Amino acid sequence: RVTMQPTTPLLSIRAATADDVPLIRQLIAELADYERLAHAAVATDDDLHAALFGAQPAAEVLIGEVDGQPAGFALFFHNFSTF
C-alpha cells in the first residue's frame, strides 16, 4: 500500500537578471491585459533592458517562482525624501 504525502509547492523569490527581460515584458503585458490597459503597455525589451540593467537603473525587479516556474513579479524603484 502506497501512501501519498501532500507536497508543498516550493516558492522562491529572486532578483531578476538581464536574461529575464523577455519574461518581465510578458508579465507586464499580462498584467496590463488583466487591467484592460494593454494599449498603454508599450515598453520593448530594449526599453526594459535599458531601464532595469543600464548604466543607471531606474527600477529593480524580483521574480517569484513556484516549483521553478515564473508565477509573478514585483517591479519597484527607490525614492528618497528628507521629509
Protein backbone atom coordinates (compact mmCIF):
# COMPACT_ATOMS: atom_id res chain seq x y z
CA ARG A 1 0.00 0.00 0.00
CA VAL A 2 1.40 3.39 -1.03
CA THR A 3 0.50 6.45 0.99
CA MET A 4 0.79 9.79 -0.76
CA GLN A 5 2.14 12.63 1.29
CA PRO A 6 0.85 16.09 0.40
CA THR A 7 3.57 18.21 -1.12
CA THR A 8 4.01 21.87 -0.57
CA PRO A 9 4.96 23.90 -3.63
CA LEU A 10 8.42 25.39 -3.45
CA LEU A 11 8.19 29.17 -3.54
CA SER A 12 11.27 31.22 -4.32
CA ILE A 13 11.89 34.89 -4.91
CA ARG A 14 14.97 36.05 -6.75
CA ALA A 15 16.41 39.19 -8.28
CA ALA A 16 15.76 39.45 -11.99
CA THR A 17 18.68 39.37 -14.39
CA ALA A 18 19.09 40.82 -17.86
CA ASP A 19 18.18 37.38 -19.23
CA ASP A 20 14.72 37.82 -17.65
CA VAL A 21 13.80 40.86 -19.75
CA PRO A 22 11.51 38.91 -22.15
CA LEU A 23 9.79 37.29 -19.16
CA ILE A 24 9.39 40.66 -17.42
CA ARG A 25 7.86 42.16 -20.57
CA GLN A 26 5.48 39.17 -20.82
CA LEU A 27 4.41 39.54 -17.19
CA ILE A 28 3.88 43.28 -17.65
CA ALA A 29 1.77 42.58 -20.76
CA GLU A 30 -0.31 40.01 -18.88
CA LEU A 31 -0.92 42.46 -16.03
CA ALA A 32 -1.80 45.24 -18.47
CA ASP A 33 -4.22 42.93 -20.25
CA TYR A 34 -5.85 41.98 -16.94
CA GLU A 35 -6.19 45.67 -16.04
CA ARG A 36 -7.57 46.40 -19.54
CA LEU A 37 -4.60 48.66 -20.20
CA ALA A 38 -2.82 46.63 -22.88
CA HIS A 39 -2.79 49.69 -25.13
CA ALA A 40 -0.65 51.52 -22.56
CA ALA A 41 1.98 48.79 -22.11
CA VAL A 42 4.30 49.84 -24.92
CA ALA A 43 7.74 49.09 -23.45
CA THR A 44 10.01 46.94 -25.59
CA ASP A 45 12.68 44.52 -24.44
CA ASP A 46 15.27 47.19 -25.27
CA ASP A 47 13.38 49.78 -23.19
CA LEU A 48 13.21 47.43 -20.21
CA HIS A 49 16.83 46.37 -20.53
CA ALA A 50 17.97 50.00 -20.51
CA ALA A 51 15.68 50.96 -17.61
CA LEU A 52 16.46 47.94 -15.45
CA PHE A 53 20.02 46.97 -16.33
CA GLY A 54 21.55 50.03 -17.96
CA ALA A 55 24.24 52.30 -16.54
CA GLN A 56 21.76 54.00 -14.18
CA PRO A 57 18.93 51.55 -13.43
CA ALA A 58 15.61 53.28 -12.75
CA ALA A 59 13.96 50.28 -11.08
CA GLU A 60 14.51 46.73 -9.89
CA VAL A 61 12.52 43.55 -10.41
CA LEU A 62 12.01 40.46 -8.29
CA ILE A 63 10.71 37.26 -9.88
CA GLY A 64 8.52 34.92 -7.87
CA GLU A 65 8.66 31.26 -8.86
CA VAL A 66 6.61 28.25 -7.79
CA ASP A 67 8.36 24.94 -8.32
CA GLY A 68 10.87 26.70 -10.59
CA GLN A 69 8.22 28.25 -12.85
CA PRO A 70 7.61 32.02 -13.02
CA ALA A 71 4.48 32.96 -11.10
CA GLY A 72 4.74 36.72 -10.67
CA PHE A 73 6.94 39.75 -10.37
CA ALA A 74 7.48 42.89 -8.32
CA LEU A 75 8.87 45.97 -10.00
CA PHE A 76 9.99 48.68 -7.62
CA PHE A 77 12.03 51.83 -7.55
CA HIS A 78 13.74 53.73 -4.77
CA ASN A 79 12.67 57.17 -3.80
CA PHE A 80 14.30 59.34 -1.19
CA SER A 81 12.88 62.29 0.63
CA THR A 82 14.11 64.30 3.58
CA PHE A 83 10.53 64.62 4.89
